């Protein structure tokens, strides 16, 4: 059986969030075993069919033992609908939860760590970018084999307003002086993002791998 079709044992944090709640059913449909981390208050929101572990995503000690034996740890805890004024929340939730997941993955010797970061550099969302950069640096320092996905904005239910900007994006992508930034900070759909994540999980790298917006689009479309 090839690496791309092996049945994986996947541990997911942020299992009830925007990405996690949609990713888990896809992984289960493909025959993977999924363990979801959830707080006591969120247990009823976890997608059906996966094993559930009760713990605090900000405290690695509450779930490290449950991570042992997993092939992949997918870190998806984060503040919903990121905005420039949510800097304190990014510092209180996004950063600590990623650091806890990194510590758990390192302690449990997980072969593959998947982290959703953000496209960079960018002219706005400085706190959001800063937290993501710190977490990427921590992944490197922990010497984890990792896939880091860097979307800018994910279009999907409740997140459609940037569609109005698509004509502007198309124009900027044709102008040499703005082409690179417009492509790097381009929009991806929820289907493209999920498709790219499934591909990343099923195709474990041998070292740290970064997947930017153009590659998210390509992988997502080819894996739908």
N, C-alpha and C. Protein backbone atom coordinates (compact mmCIF):
# COMPACT_ATOMS: atom_id res chain seq x y z
N UNK A 1 0.85 -1.19 0.00
CA UNK A 1 0.00 0.00 0.00
C UNK A 1 0.89 1.24 0.00
N UNK A 2 0.59 2.22 -0.85
CA UNK A 2 1.42 3.41 -0.97
C UNK A 2 1.19 4.37 0.18
N UNK A 3 2.13 5.33 0.31
CA UNK A 3 2.03 6.32 1.38
C UNK A 3 0.75 7.12 1.29
N UNK A 4 0.28 7.37 0.06
CA UNK A 4 -0.89 8.22 -0.13
C UNK A 4 -2.20 7.54 0.25
N UNK A 5 -2.21 6.21 0.37
CA UNK A 5 -3.45 5.50 0.65
C UNK A 5 -3.43 4.76 1.98
N UNK A 6 -2.34 4.82 2.72
CA UNK A 6 -2.30 4.16 4.02
C UNK A 6 -3.36 4.75 4.94
N UNK A 7 -3.93 3.90 5.76
CA UNK A 7 -4.89 4.37 6.76
C UNK A 7 -4.12 5.08 7.86
N UNK A 8 -4.41 6.33 8.09
CA UNK A 8 -3.70 7.14 9.07
C UNK A 8 -4.42 7.16 10.42
N UNK A 9 -3.63 7.39 11.45
CA UNK A 9 -4.17 7.66 12.78
C UNK A 9 -3.92 9.15 13.04
N UNK A 10 -4.97 9.93 12.99
CA UNK A 10 -4.85 11.39 12.97
C UNK A 10 -5.46 11.99 14.23
N UNK A 11 -4.70 12.85 14.87
CA UNK A 11 -5.16 13.56 16.07
C UNK A 11 -5.44 15.00 15.67
N UNK A 12 -6.65 15.48 15.95
CA UNK A 12 -7.07 16.81 15.51
C UNK A 12 -7.43 17.67 16.72
N UNK A 13 -6.79 18.84 16.82
CA UNK A 13 -7.23 19.84 17.78
C UNK A 13 -8.07 20.87 17.02
N UNK A 14 -8.98 21.54 17.71
CA UNK A 14 -9.89 22.44 17.01
C UNK A 14 -10.90 21.67 16.19
N UNK A 15 -11.32 20.52 16.71
CA UNK A 15 -12.18 19.60 15.96
C UNK A 15 -13.58 20.15 15.70
N UNK A 16 -14.02 21.12 16.48
CA UNK A 16 -15.38 21.65 16.30
C UNK A 16 -15.38 23.00 15.59
N UNK A 17 -14.22 23.43 15.12
CA UNK A 17 -14.11 24.74 14.48
C UNK A 17 -14.44 24.71 13.00
N UNK A 18 -14.19 25.84 12.35
CA UNK A 18 -14.58 26.05 10.95
C UNK A 18 -13.95 25.01 10.03
N UNK A 19 -12.66 24.73 10.20
CA UNK A 19 -11.99 23.73 9.38
C UNK A 19 -12.14 22.33 9.95
N UNK A 20 -11.94 22.19 11.25
CA UNK A 20 -11.95 20.87 11.87
C UNK A 20 -13.24 20.11 11.68
N UNK A 21 -14.36 20.80 11.84
CA UNK A 21 -15.67 20.14 11.72
C UNK A 21 -15.93 19.66 10.31
N UNK A 22 -15.24 20.24 9.33
CA UNK A 22 -15.41 19.82 7.94
C UNK A 22 -14.34 18.83 7.50
N UNK A 23 -13.16 18.94 8.09
CA UNK A 23 -12.06 18.04 7.73
C UNK A 23 -12.29 16.64 8.25
N UNK A 24 -12.73 16.52 9.49
CA UNK A 24 -12.87 15.20 10.12
C UNK A 24 -13.77 14.26 9.32
N UNK A 25 -14.98 14.68 8.89
CA UNK A 25 -15.80 13.75 8.10
C UNK A 25 -15.12 13.29 6.82
N UNK A 26 -14.34 14.16 6.17
CA UNK A 26 -13.62 13.77 4.96
C UNK A 26 -12.58 12.69 5.26
N UNK A 27 -11.87 12.86 6.37
CA UNK A 27 -10.86 11.87 6.75
C UNK A 27 -11.50 10.53 7.09
N UNK A 28 -12.62 10.57 7.79
CA UNK A 28 -13.32 9.34 8.14
C UNK A 28 -13.83 8.63 6.89
N UNK A 29 -14.35 9.40 5.93
CA UNK A 29 -14.85 8.82 4.67
C UNK A 29 -13.74 8.09 3.92
N UNK A 30 -12.51 8.57 4.09
CA UNK A 30 -11.37 7.98 3.38
C UNK A 30 -10.73 6.84 4.18
N UNK A 31 -11.36 6.46 5.28
CA UNK A 31 -10.93 5.30 6.03
C UNK A 31 -9.91 5.55 7.12
N UNK A 32 -9.63 6.82 7.42
CA UNK A 32 -8.66 7.13 8.45
C UNK A 32 -9.29 7.07 9.84
N UNK A 33 -8.45 6.79 10.82
CA UNK A 33 -8.89 6.82 12.22
C UNK A 33 -8.60 8.21 12.77
N UNK A 34 -9.62 8.86 13.30
CA UNK A 34 -9.47 10.23 13.79
C UNK A 34 -9.77 10.31 15.28
N UNK A 35 -8.87 10.94 16.01
CA UNK A 35 -9.09 11.25 17.42
C UNK A 35 -9.21 12.76 17.54
N UNK A 36 -10.27 13.23 18.16
CA UNK A 36 -10.53 14.66 18.27
C UNK A 36 -10.36 15.11 19.72
N UNK A 37 -9.65 16.21 19.89
CA UNK A 37 -9.51 16.83 21.20
C UNK A 37 -10.62 17.85 21.37
N UNK A 38 -11.30 17.82 22.52
CA UNK A 38 -12.38 18.78 22.76
C UNK A 38 -12.50 19.06 24.26
N UNK A 39 -12.90 20.27 24.56
CA UNK A 39 -13.22 20.60 25.94
C UNK A 39 -14.54 19.95 26.31
N UNK A 40 -14.78 19.80 27.60
CA UNK A 40 -16.01 19.17 28.09
C UNK A 40 -17.25 19.82 27.49
N UNK A 41 -17.25 21.15 27.42
CA UNK A 41 -18.43 21.88 26.94
C UNK A 41 -18.69 21.69 25.45
N UNK A 42 -17.70 21.20 24.71
CA UNK A 42 -17.84 21.08 23.25
C UNK A 42 -17.99 19.65 22.76
N UNK A 43 -18.07 18.70 23.67
CA UNK A 43 -18.07 17.29 23.26
C UNK A 43 -19.20 16.95 22.30
N UNK A 44 -20.37 17.56 22.50
CA UNK A 44 -21.52 17.24 21.65
C UNK A 44 -21.38 17.81 20.24
N UNK A 45 -20.42 18.71 20.03
CA UNK A 45 -20.24 19.33 18.72
C UNK A 45 -19.23 18.58 17.85
N UNK A 46 -18.54 17.61 18.43
CA UNK A 46 -17.52 16.86 17.68
C UNK A 46 -18.21 16.01 16.61
N UNK A 47 -17.71 16.01 15.37
CA UNK A 47 -18.31 15.19 14.32
C UNK A 47 -18.39 13.72 14.72
N UNK A 48 -19.47 13.08 14.33
CA UNK A 48 -19.69 11.69 14.68
C UNK A 48 -18.68 10.79 13.97
N UNK A 49 -18.34 9.69 14.63
CA UNK A 49 -17.50 8.68 14.01
C UNK A 49 -16.06 8.69 14.43
N UNK A 50 -15.64 9.72 15.19
CA UNK A 50 -14.24 9.76 15.62
C UNK A 50 -14.15 9.49 17.12
N UNK A 51 -12.98 9.10 17.54
CA UNK A 51 -12.70 8.95 18.96
C UNK A 51 -12.52 10.34 19.56
N UNK A 52 -13.01 10.54 20.79
CA UNK A 52 -12.95 11.86 21.40
C UNK A 52 -12.13 11.81 22.67
N UNK A 53 -11.25 12.80 22.82
CA UNK A 53 -10.44 12.95 24.02
C UNK A 53 -10.79 14.29 24.65
N UNK A 54 -11.11 14.27 25.93
CA UNK A 54 -11.42 15.51 26.64
C UNK A 54 -10.13 16.11 27.18
N UNK A 55 -9.89 17.37 26.87
CA UNK A 55 -8.68 18.02 27.34
C UNK A 55 -8.71 19.50 27.08
N UNK A 56 -7.66 20.18 27.49
CA UNK A 56 -7.52 21.61 27.32
C UNK A 56 -6.49 21.86 26.22
N UNK A 57 -6.89 22.41 25.07
CA UNK A 57 -5.94 22.60 23.98
C UNK A 57 -4.82 23.59 24.28
N UNK A 58 -4.93 24.31 25.41
CA UNK A 58 -3.88 25.23 25.80
C UNK A 58 -2.88 24.59 26.75
N UNK A 59 -3.13 23.34 27.13
CA UNK A 59 -2.29 22.64 28.11
C UNK A 59 -1.89 21.28 27.55
N UNK A 60 -0.66 21.17 27.09
CA UNK A 60 -0.19 19.93 26.46
C UNK A 60 -0.30 18.72 27.37
N UNK A 61 -0.14 18.92 28.67
CA UNK A 61 -0.17 17.79 29.59
C UNK A 61 -1.52 17.09 29.61
N UNK A 62 -2.58 17.78 29.19
CA UNK A 62 -3.91 17.17 29.22
C UNK A 62 -4.19 16.27 28.04
N UNK A 63 -3.32 16.29 27.01
CA UNK A 63 -3.61 15.45 25.84
C UNK A 63 -2.38 14.77 25.23
N UNK A 64 -1.19 14.98 25.77
CA UNK A 64 0.01 14.38 25.17
C UNK A 64 -0.09 12.86 25.12
N UNK A 65 -0.54 12.25 26.21
CA UNK A 65 -0.65 10.79 26.22
C UNK A 65 -1.59 10.28 25.14
N UNK A 66 -2.65 11.03 24.88
CA UNK A 66 -3.63 10.61 23.87
C UNK A 66 -3.06 10.74 22.46
N UNK A 67 -2.06 11.59 22.29
CA UNK A 67 -1.44 11.80 20.98
C UNK A 67 -0.52 10.64 20.60
N UNK A 68 0.03 9.95 21.58
CA UNK A 68 0.99 8.87 21.31
C UNK A 68 0.38 7.81 20.40
N UNK A 69 1.16 7.42 19.40
CA UNK A 69 0.68 6.42 18.44
C UNK A 69 0.04 7.03 17.21
N UNK A 70 -0.16 8.35 17.21
CA UNK A 70 -0.75 9.00 16.04
C UNK A 70 0.30 9.17 14.94
N UNK A 71 -0.15 9.12 13.69
CA UNK A 71 0.73 9.38 12.55
C UNK A 71 0.86 10.88 12.29
N UNK A 72 -0.23 11.60 12.60
CA UNK A 72 -0.30 13.02 12.27
C UNK A 72 -1.05 13.77 13.35
N UNK A 73 -0.55 14.95 13.71
CA UNK A 73 -1.28 15.85 14.58
C UNK A 73 -1.64 17.09 13.77
N UNK A 74 -2.93 17.38 13.67
CA UNK A 74 -3.41 18.54 12.92
C UNK A 74 -3.85 19.61 13.92
N UNK A 75 -3.17 20.75 13.92
CA UNK A 75 -3.46 21.84 14.86
C UNK A 75 -4.37 22.86 14.20
N UNK A 76 -5.63 22.96 14.71
CA UNK A 76 -6.61 23.85 14.09
C UNK A 76 -7.28 24.79 15.09
N UNK A 77 -6.81 24.83 16.31
CA UNK A 77 -7.42 25.74 17.29
C UNK A 77 -7.07 27.18 16.92
N UNK A 78 -8.07 28.05 16.95
CA UNK A 78 -7.82 29.45 16.65
C UNK A 78 -9.06 30.29 16.84
N UNK A 79 -8.86 31.58 16.95
CA UNK A 79 -9.97 32.51 17.09
C UNK A 79 -10.78 32.54 15.80
N UNK A 80 -12.10 32.38 15.87
CA UNK A 80 -12.90 32.42 14.64
C UNK A 80 -12.92 33.81 14.02
N UNK A 81 -13.03 33.84 12.69
CA UNK A 81 -13.11 35.08 11.93
C UNK A 81 -12.04 36.09 12.35
N UNK A 82 -10.77 35.78 12.09
CA UNK A 82 -9.68 36.69 12.47
C UNK A 82 -9.89 38.11 11.93
N UNK A 83 -9.54 39.09 12.74
CA UNK A 83 -9.66 40.49 12.37
C UNK A 83 -8.53 41.27 13.02
N UNK A 84 -8.15 42.43 12.47
CA UNK A 84 -7.00 43.18 13.01
C UNK A 84 -7.14 43.54 14.48
N UNK A 85 -8.37 43.72 14.97
CA UNK A 85 -8.56 44.14 16.37
C UNK A 85 -8.57 42.97 17.36
N UNK A 86 -8.34 41.76 16.88
CA UNK A 86 -8.36 40.59 17.76
C UNK A 86 -6.98 40.15 18.23
N UNK A 87 -6.02 41.07 18.21
CA UNK A 87 -4.66 40.74 18.61
C UNK A 87 -4.55 40.07 19.97
N UNK A 88 -5.20 40.60 21.03
CA UNK A 88 -5.12 39.96 22.34
C UNK A 88 -5.64 38.52 22.33
N UNK A 89 -6.68 38.25 21.53
CA UNK A 89 -7.22 36.89 21.44
C UNK A 89 -6.24 35.96 20.73
N UNK A 90 -5.57 36.46 19.70
CA UNK A 90 -4.57 35.64 19.02
C UNK A 90 -3.46 35.24 20.00
N UNK A 91 -3.06 36.20 20.84
CA UNK A 91 -2.01 35.94 21.83
C UNK A 91 -2.47 34.99 22.92
N UNK A 92 -3.76 35.03 23.23
CA UNK A 92 -4.29 34.22 24.33
C UNK A 92 -4.70 32.82 23.89
N UNK A 93 -5.06 32.65 22.61
CA UNK A 93 -5.62 31.37 22.16
C UNK A 93 -4.78 30.75 21.03
N UNK A 94 -4.63 31.46 19.93
CA UNK A 94 -3.94 30.88 18.78
C UNK A 94 -2.50 30.47 19.10
N UNK A 95 -1.77 31.40 19.72
CA UNK A 95 -0.37 31.10 20.05
C UNK A 95 -0.22 29.99 21.06
N UNK A 96 -0.84 30.10 22.26
CA UNK A 96 -0.68 29.05 23.28
C UNK A 96 -1.17 27.68 22.82
N UNK A 97 -2.26 27.64 22.05
CA UNK A 97 -2.77 26.33 21.61
C UNK A 97 -1.79 25.67 20.63
N UNK A 98 -1.21 26.45 19.73
CA UNK A 98 -0.23 25.89 18.80
C UNK A 98 1.02 25.43 19.54
N UNK A 99 1.48 26.23 20.50
CA UNK A 99 2.67 25.85 21.27
C UNK A 99 2.41 24.57 22.05
N UNK A 100 1.21 24.43 22.60
CA UNK A 100 0.86 23.20 23.34
C UNK A 100 0.86 22.01 22.40
N UNK A 101 0.30 22.18 21.21
CA UNK A 101 0.26 21.08 20.24
C UNK A 101 1.67 20.70 19.78
N UNK A 102 2.52 21.69 19.61
CA UNK A 102 3.91 21.43 19.23
C UNK A 102 4.62 20.64 20.31
N UNK A 103 4.44 21.05 21.56
CA UNK A 103 5.06 20.31 22.68
C UNK A 103 4.55 18.88 22.75
N UNK A 104 3.24 18.71 22.56
CA UNK A 104 2.66 17.36 22.61
C UNK A 104 3.20 16.50 21.47
N UNK A 105 3.27 17.06 20.27
CA UNK A 105 3.77 16.31 19.13
C UNK A 105 5.22 15.90 19.33
N UNK A 106 6.03 16.82 19.86
CA UNK A 106 7.44 16.51 20.09
C UNK A 106 7.60 15.45 21.17
N UNK A 107 6.83 15.59 22.27
CA UNK A 107 6.93 14.63 23.37
C UNK A 107 6.46 13.24 22.95
N UNK A 108 5.47 13.19 22.07
CA UNK A 108 4.91 11.92 21.64
C UNK A 108 5.56 11.38 20.37
N UNK A 109 6.57 12.10 19.87
CA UNK A 109 7.30 11.69 18.65
C UNK A 109 6.35 11.44 17.48
N UNK A 110 5.43 12.37 17.26
CA UNK A 110 4.49 12.24 16.15
C UNK A 110 5.24 12.47 14.83
N UNK A 111 5.08 11.59 13.85
CA UNK A 111 5.86 11.69 12.61
C UNK A 111 5.52 12.89 11.73
N UNK A 112 4.34 13.48 11.90
CA UNK A 112 3.93 14.55 10.99
C UNK A 112 3.03 15.54 11.73
N UNK A 113 3.37 16.82 11.63
CA UNK A 113 2.61 17.90 12.27
C UNK A 113 2.06 18.79 11.17
N UNK A 114 0.75 19.04 11.19
CA UNK A 114 0.12 19.89 10.18
C UNK A 114 -0.39 21.16 10.87
N UNK A 115 0.04 22.30 10.32
CA UNK A 115 -0.30 23.58 10.94
C UNK A 115 -0.82 24.55 9.89
N UNK A 116 -1.96 25.17 10.18
CA UNK A 116 -2.51 26.18 9.29
C UNK A 116 -2.01 27.54 9.75
N UNK A 117 -1.11 28.11 8.99
CA UNK A 117 -0.52 29.40 9.29
C UNK A 117 -1.25 30.47 8.47
N UNK A 118 -0.52 31.42 7.90
CA UNK A 118 -1.13 32.48 7.10
C UNK A 118 -0.12 32.96 6.08
N UNK A 119 -0.63 33.43 4.93
CA UNK A 119 0.24 33.97 3.88
C UNK A 119 1.03 35.15 4.43
N UNK A 120 2.30 35.22 4.05
CA UNK A 120 3.16 36.28 4.57
C UNK A 120 4.30 36.55 3.58
N UNK A 121 4.80 37.79 3.56
CA UNK A 121 4.37 38.95 4.35
C UNK A 121 3.04 39.50 3.85
N UNK A 122 2.43 40.35 4.68
CA UNK A 122 1.15 40.96 4.33
C UNK A 122 1.08 42.33 5.00
N UNK A 123 0.33 43.25 4.40
CA UNK A 123 0.31 44.62 4.92
C UNK A 123 -0.61 44.84 6.12
N UNK A 124 -1.46 43.87 6.44
CA UNK A 124 -2.39 44.02 7.56
C UNK A 124 -2.33 42.78 8.44
N UNK A 125 -3.14 42.76 9.50
CA UNK A 125 -3.22 41.62 10.42
C UNK A 125 -1.86 41.32 11.06
N UNK A 126 -1.19 42.37 11.54
CA UNK A 126 0.18 42.21 12.04
C UNK A 126 0.27 41.26 13.23
N UNK A 127 -0.67 41.37 14.18
CA UNK A 127 -0.64 40.48 15.35
C UNK A 127 -0.87 39.03 14.93
N UNK A 128 -1.80 38.82 14.02
CA UNK A 128 -2.11 37.49 13.52
C UNK A 128 -0.87 36.88 12.85
N UNK A 129 -0.22 37.68 12.00
CA UNK A 129 0.99 37.20 11.32
C UNK A 129 2.11 36.93 12.31
N UNK A 130 2.25 37.81 13.30
CA UNK A 130 3.33 37.65 14.27
C UNK A 130 3.18 36.35 15.05
N UNK A 131 1.95 36.05 15.48
CA UNK A 131 1.71 34.81 16.23
C UNK A 131 2.02 33.61 15.36
N UNK A 132 1.57 33.64 14.09
CA UNK A 132 1.83 32.52 13.18
C UNK A 132 3.33 32.33 12.93
N UNK A 133 4.04 33.43 12.77
CA UNK A 133 5.49 33.32 12.55
C UNK A 133 6.18 32.71 13.77
N UNK A 134 5.76 33.12 14.96
CA UNK A 134 6.34 32.56 16.18
C UNK A 134 6.07 31.06 16.27
N UNK A 135 4.88 30.66 15.88
CA UNK A 135 4.54 29.23 15.93
C UNK A 135 5.33 28.44 14.88
N UNK A 136 5.49 29.02 13.69
CA UNK A 136 6.31 28.35 12.67
C UNK A 136 7.75 28.20 13.16
N UNK A 137 8.26 29.22 13.84
CA UNK A 137 9.63 29.14 14.37
C UNK A 137 9.72 28.06 15.43
N UNK A 138 8.67 27.91 16.24
CA UNK A 138 8.67 26.88 17.28
C UNK A 138 8.64 25.48 16.66
N UNK A 139 7.92 25.32 15.56
CA UNK A 139 7.89 24.04 14.85
C UNK A 139 9.28 23.69 14.36
N UNK A 140 9.98 24.68 13.79
CA UNK A 140 11.34 24.44 13.31
C UNK A 140 12.28 24.12 14.46
N UNK A 141 12.13 24.84 15.57
CA UNK A 141 13.00 24.62 16.73
C UNK A 141 12.79 23.24 17.33
N UNK A 142 11.55 22.75 17.27
CA UNK A 142 11.24 21.41 17.79
C UNK A 142 11.67 20.32 16.82
N UNK A 143 12.15 20.71 15.64
CA UNK A 143 12.61 19.79 14.59
C UNK A 143 11.51 18.78 14.23
N UNK A 144 10.30 19.30 14.08
CA UNK A 144 9.18 18.44 13.68
C UNK A 144 9.12 18.35 12.16
N UNK A 145 8.82 17.16 11.66
CA UNK A 145 8.47 17.02 10.25
C UNK A 145 7.07 17.60 10.12
N UNK A 146 6.93 18.64 9.32
CA UNK A 146 5.67 19.38 9.33
C UNK A 146 5.26 19.85 7.96
N UNK A 147 3.94 19.98 7.79
CA UNK A 147 3.37 20.68 6.66
C UNK A 147 2.73 21.95 7.19
N UNK A 148 3.16 23.08 6.67
CA UNK A 148 2.62 24.38 7.07
C UNK A 148 1.85 24.95 5.88
N UNK A 149 0.55 25.10 6.04
CA UNK A 149 -0.28 25.65 4.98
C UNK A 149 -0.48 27.13 5.24
N UNK A 150 -0.32 27.95 4.20
CA UNK A 150 -0.39 29.40 4.37
C UNK A 150 -1.48 30.03 3.49
N UNK A 151 -2.75 29.85 3.84
CA UNK A 151 -3.81 30.57 3.13
C UNK A 151 -3.83 32.03 3.59
N UNK A 152 -4.53 32.87 2.83
CA UNK A 152 -4.76 34.24 3.29
C UNK A 152 -6.20 34.36 3.79
N UNK A 153 -7.17 34.12 2.91
CA UNK A 153 -8.57 34.14 3.33
C UNK A 153 -9.27 32.95 2.71
N UNK A 154 -10.05 32.23 3.53
CA UNK A 154 -10.73 31.02 3.07
C UNK A 154 -12.20 31.34 2.85
N UNK A 155 -12.64 31.27 1.61
CA UNK A 155 -14.03 31.51 1.27
C UNK A 155 -14.88 30.30 1.63
N UNK A 156 -16.01 30.53 2.27
CA UNK A 156 -16.90 29.44 2.64
C UNK A 156 -18.11 29.98 3.37
N UNK A 157 -18.95 29.09 3.91
CA UNK A 157 -20.15 29.53 4.63
C UNK A 157 -19.82 30.58 5.69
N UNK A 158 -20.51 31.71 5.62
CA UNK A 158 -20.26 32.79 6.56
C UNK A 158 -19.03 33.62 6.24
N UNK A 159 -18.32 33.26 5.17
CA UNK A 159 -17.07 33.95 4.81
C UNK A 159 -17.04 34.25 3.31
N UNK A 160 -18.14 34.79 2.78
CA UNK A 160 -18.22 35.01 1.35
C UNK A 160 -17.94 36.45 0.92
N UNK A 161 -17.90 37.38 1.85
CA UNK A 161 -17.82 38.79 1.45
C UNK A 161 -16.64 39.13 0.53
N UNK A 162 -15.46 38.47 0.67
CA UNK A 162 -14.35 38.84 -0.22
C UNK A 162 -14.58 38.50 -1.69
N UNK A 163 -15.67 37.77 -2.01
CA UNK A 163 -15.96 37.49 -3.41
C UNK A 163 -16.07 38.78 -4.21
N UNK A 164 -16.50 39.85 -3.54
CA UNK A 164 -16.63 41.13 -4.22
C UNK A 164 -15.27 41.67 -4.68
N UNK A 165 -14.20 41.15 -4.09
CA UNK A 165 -12.86 41.62 -4.43
C UNK A 165 -12.22 40.85 -5.58
N UNK A 166 -12.87 39.78 -6.04
CA UNK A 166 -12.26 38.94 -7.07
C UNK A 166 -11.89 39.69 -8.35
N UNK A 167 -12.74 40.61 -8.85
CA UNK A 167 -12.32 41.36 -10.04
C UNK A 167 -11.04 42.17 -9.81
N UNK A 168 -10.88 42.69 -8.59
CA UNK A 168 -9.67 43.45 -8.27
C UNK A 168 -8.47 42.52 -8.25
N UNK A 169 -8.64 41.33 -7.65
CA UNK A 169 -7.55 40.35 -7.62
C UNK A 169 -7.12 39.97 -9.04
N UNK A 170 -8.09 39.73 -9.91
CA UNK A 170 -7.76 39.32 -11.28
C UNK A 170 -6.95 40.41 -11.99
N UNK A 171 -7.32 41.66 -11.74
CA UNK A 171 -6.58 42.76 -12.34
C UNK A 171 -5.16 42.83 -11.80
N UNK A 172 -5.03 42.76 -10.48
CA UNK A 172 -3.71 42.88 -9.85
C UNK A 172 -2.79 41.72 -10.24
N UNK A 173 -3.39 40.54 -10.48
CA UNK A 173 -2.59 39.39 -10.87
C UNK A 173 -2.02 39.53 -12.28
N UNK A 174 -2.53 40.48 -13.05
CA UNK A 174 -2.04 40.69 -14.42
C UNK A 174 -1.00 41.81 -14.50
N UNK A 175 -0.85 42.56 -13.42
CA UNK A 175 0.09 43.67 -13.42
C UNK A 175 1.42 43.20 -12.82
N UNK A 176 2.52 43.32 -13.54
CA UNK A 176 3.81 42.81 -13.05
C UNK A 176 4.18 43.29 -11.65
N UNK A 177 3.92 44.55 -11.35
CA UNK A 177 4.31 45.08 -10.05
C UNK A 177 3.50 44.57 -8.88
N UNK A 178 2.31 44.05 -9.14
CA UNK A 178 1.44 43.57 -8.05
C UNK A 178 1.13 42.08 -8.17
N UNK A 179 1.61 41.45 -9.21
CA UNK A 179 1.26 40.04 -9.48
C UNK A 179 1.65 39.12 -8.35
N UNK A 180 2.88 39.24 -7.86
CA UNK A 180 3.36 38.31 -6.82
C UNK A 180 2.53 38.43 -5.55
N UNK A 181 2.30 39.67 -5.09
CA UNK A 181 1.54 39.86 -3.85
C UNK A 181 0.10 39.42 -4.00
N UNK A 182 -0.52 39.74 -5.14
CA UNK A 182 -1.91 39.36 -5.37
C UNK A 182 -2.07 37.85 -5.40
N UNK A 183 -1.08 37.15 -5.93
CA UNK A 183 -1.13 35.69 -5.97
C UNK A 183 -0.90 35.09 -4.59
N UNK A 184 0.10 35.60 -3.89
CA UNK A 184 0.43 35.10 -2.55
C UNK A 184 -0.70 35.34 -1.56
N UNK A 185 -1.39 36.47 -1.71
CA UNK A 185 -2.48 36.82 -0.80
C UNK A 185 -3.84 36.56 -1.44
N UNK A 186 -3.88 35.62 -2.36
CA UNK A 186 -5.12 35.30 -3.05
C UNK A 186 -6.11 34.55 -2.18
N UNK A 187 -7.33 34.45 -2.67
CA UNK A 187 -8.41 33.77 -1.95
C UNK A 187 -8.42 32.28 -2.31
N UNK A 188 -8.74 31.45 -1.35
CA UNK A 188 -8.95 30.02 -1.61
C UNK A 188 -10.32 29.64 -1.08
N UNK A 189 -10.94 28.66 -1.67
CA UNK A 189 -12.25 28.21 -1.21
C UNK A 189 -12.08 27.17 -0.11
N UNK A 190 -13.14 26.96 0.65
CA UNK A 190 -13.09 25.96 1.72
C UNK A 190 -12.83 24.58 1.13
N UNK A 191 -13.36 24.28 -0.06
CA UNK A 191 -13.12 22.99 -0.70
C UNK A 191 -11.67 22.83 -1.09
N UNK A 192 -11.07 23.90 -1.60
CA UNK A 192 -9.65 23.84 -1.96
C UNK A 192 -8.79 23.64 -0.72
N UNK A 193 -9.12 24.34 0.35
CA UNK A 193 -8.34 24.23 1.57
C UNK A 193 -8.44 22.82 2.15
N UNK A 194 -9.63 22.29 2.21
CA UNK A 194 -9.81 20.95 2.76
C UNK A 194 -9.14 19.90 1.88
N UNK A 195 -9.25 20.07 0.57
CA UNK A 195 -8.59 19.13 -0.34
C UNK A 195 -7.09 19.14 -0.16
N UNK A 196 -6.52 20.33 0.01
CA UNK A 196 -5.07 20.44 0.22
C UNK A 196 -4.66 19.82 1.54
N UNK A 197 -5.49 19.99 2.57
CA UNK A 197 -5.17 19.42 3.87
C UNK A 197 -5.22 17.90 3.84
N UNK A 198 -6.23 17.36 3.19
CA UNK A 198 -6.32 15.90 3.06
C UNK A 198 -5.09 15.37 2.32
N UNK A 199 -4.72 16.05 1.23
CA UNK A 199 -3.54 15.62 0.48
C UNK A 199 -2.31 15.67 1.37
N UNK A 200 -2.14 16.74 2.13
CA UNK A 200 -0.97 16.88 2.99
C UNK A 200 -0.90 15.77 4.02
N UNK A 201 -2.04 15.42 4.59
CA UNK A 201 -2.08 14.36 5.60
C UNK A 201 -1.72 13.01 4.98
N UNK A 202 -2.20 12.77 3.78
CA UNK A 202 -1.97 11.47 3.14
C UNK A 202 -0.61 11.38 2.45
N UNK A 203 0.06 12.48 2.30
CA UNK A 203 1.40 12.50 1.66
C UNK A 203 2.38 13.15 2.62
N UNK A 204 2.81 12.38 3.58
CA UNK A 204 3.70 12.90 4.61
C UNK A 204 5.06 13.28 4.03
N UNK A 205 5.57 14.46 4.34
CA UNK A 205 6.89 14.86 3.83
C UNK A 205 8.01 14.24 4.65
N UNK A 206 9.22 14.44 4.20
CA UNK A 206 10.38 13.96 4.95
C UNK A 206 11.05 15.08 5.74
N UNK A 207 10.61 16.31 5.49
CA UNK A 207 11.13 17.46 6.22
C UNK A 207 10.04 18.53 6.24
N UNK A 208 10.36 19.70 6.74
CA UNK A 208 9.39 20.78 6.82
C UNK A 208 8.97 21.23 5.42
N UNK A 209 7.65 21.34 5.20
CA UNK A 209 7.10 21.69 3.89
C UNK A 209 6.13 22.85 4.06
N UNK A 210 6.24 23.87 3.19
CA UNK A 210 5.33 25.01 3.21
C UNK A 210 4.46 24.97 1.96
N UNK A 211 3.15 25.11 2.14
CA UNK A 211 2.20 25.09 1.04
C UNK A 211 1.52 26.45 0.96
N UNK A 212 1.87 27.22 -0.05
CA UNK A 212 1.32 28.56 -0.22
C UNK A 212 0.03 28.54 -1.04
N UNK A 213 -0.56 29.73 -1.22
CA UNK A 213 -1.87 29.83 -1.86
C UNK A 213 -1.95 29.15 -3.23
N UNK A 214 -1.03 29.39 -4.17
CA UNK A 214 -1.15 28.72 -5.47
C UNK A 214 -1.16 27.20 -5.35
N UNK A 215 -0.34 26.67 -4.43
CA UNK A 215 -0.29 25.21 -4.26
C UNK A 215 -1.53 24.70 -3.54
N UNK A 216 -2.07 25.47 -2.61
CA UNK A 216 -3.33 25.09 -1.96
C UNK A 216 -4.42 24.95 -3.01
N UNK A 217 -4.49 25.92 -3.91
CA UNK A 217 -5.49 25.86 -4.98
C UNK A 217 -5.30 24.62 -5.85
N UNK A 218 -4.06 24.39 -6.26
CA UNK A 218 -3.79 23.27 -7.16
C UNK A 218 -4.10 21.94 -6.50
N UNK A 219 -3.59 21.76 -5.28
CA UNK A 219 -3.82 20.49 -4.57
C UNK A 219 -5.29 20.31 -4.24
N UNK A 220 -5.93 21.41 -3.82
CA UNK A 220 -7.34 21.32 -3.47
C UNK A 220 -8.21 20.91 -4.63
N UNK A 221 -7.94 21.47 -5.79
CA UNK A 221 -8.74 21.16 -6.96
C UNK A 221 -8.49 19.75 -7.47
N UNK A 222 -7.25 19.28 -7.35
CA UNK A 222 -6.93 17.94 -7.84
C UNK A 222 -7.36 16.85 -6.86
N UNK A 223 -7.70 17.24 -5.63
CA UNK A 223 -8.03 16.25 -4.61
C UNK A 223 -9.50 16.30 -4.21
N UNK A 224 -10.34 16.90 -5.07
CA UNK A 224 -11.78 16.97 -4.77
C UNK A 224 -12.51 15.81 -5.41
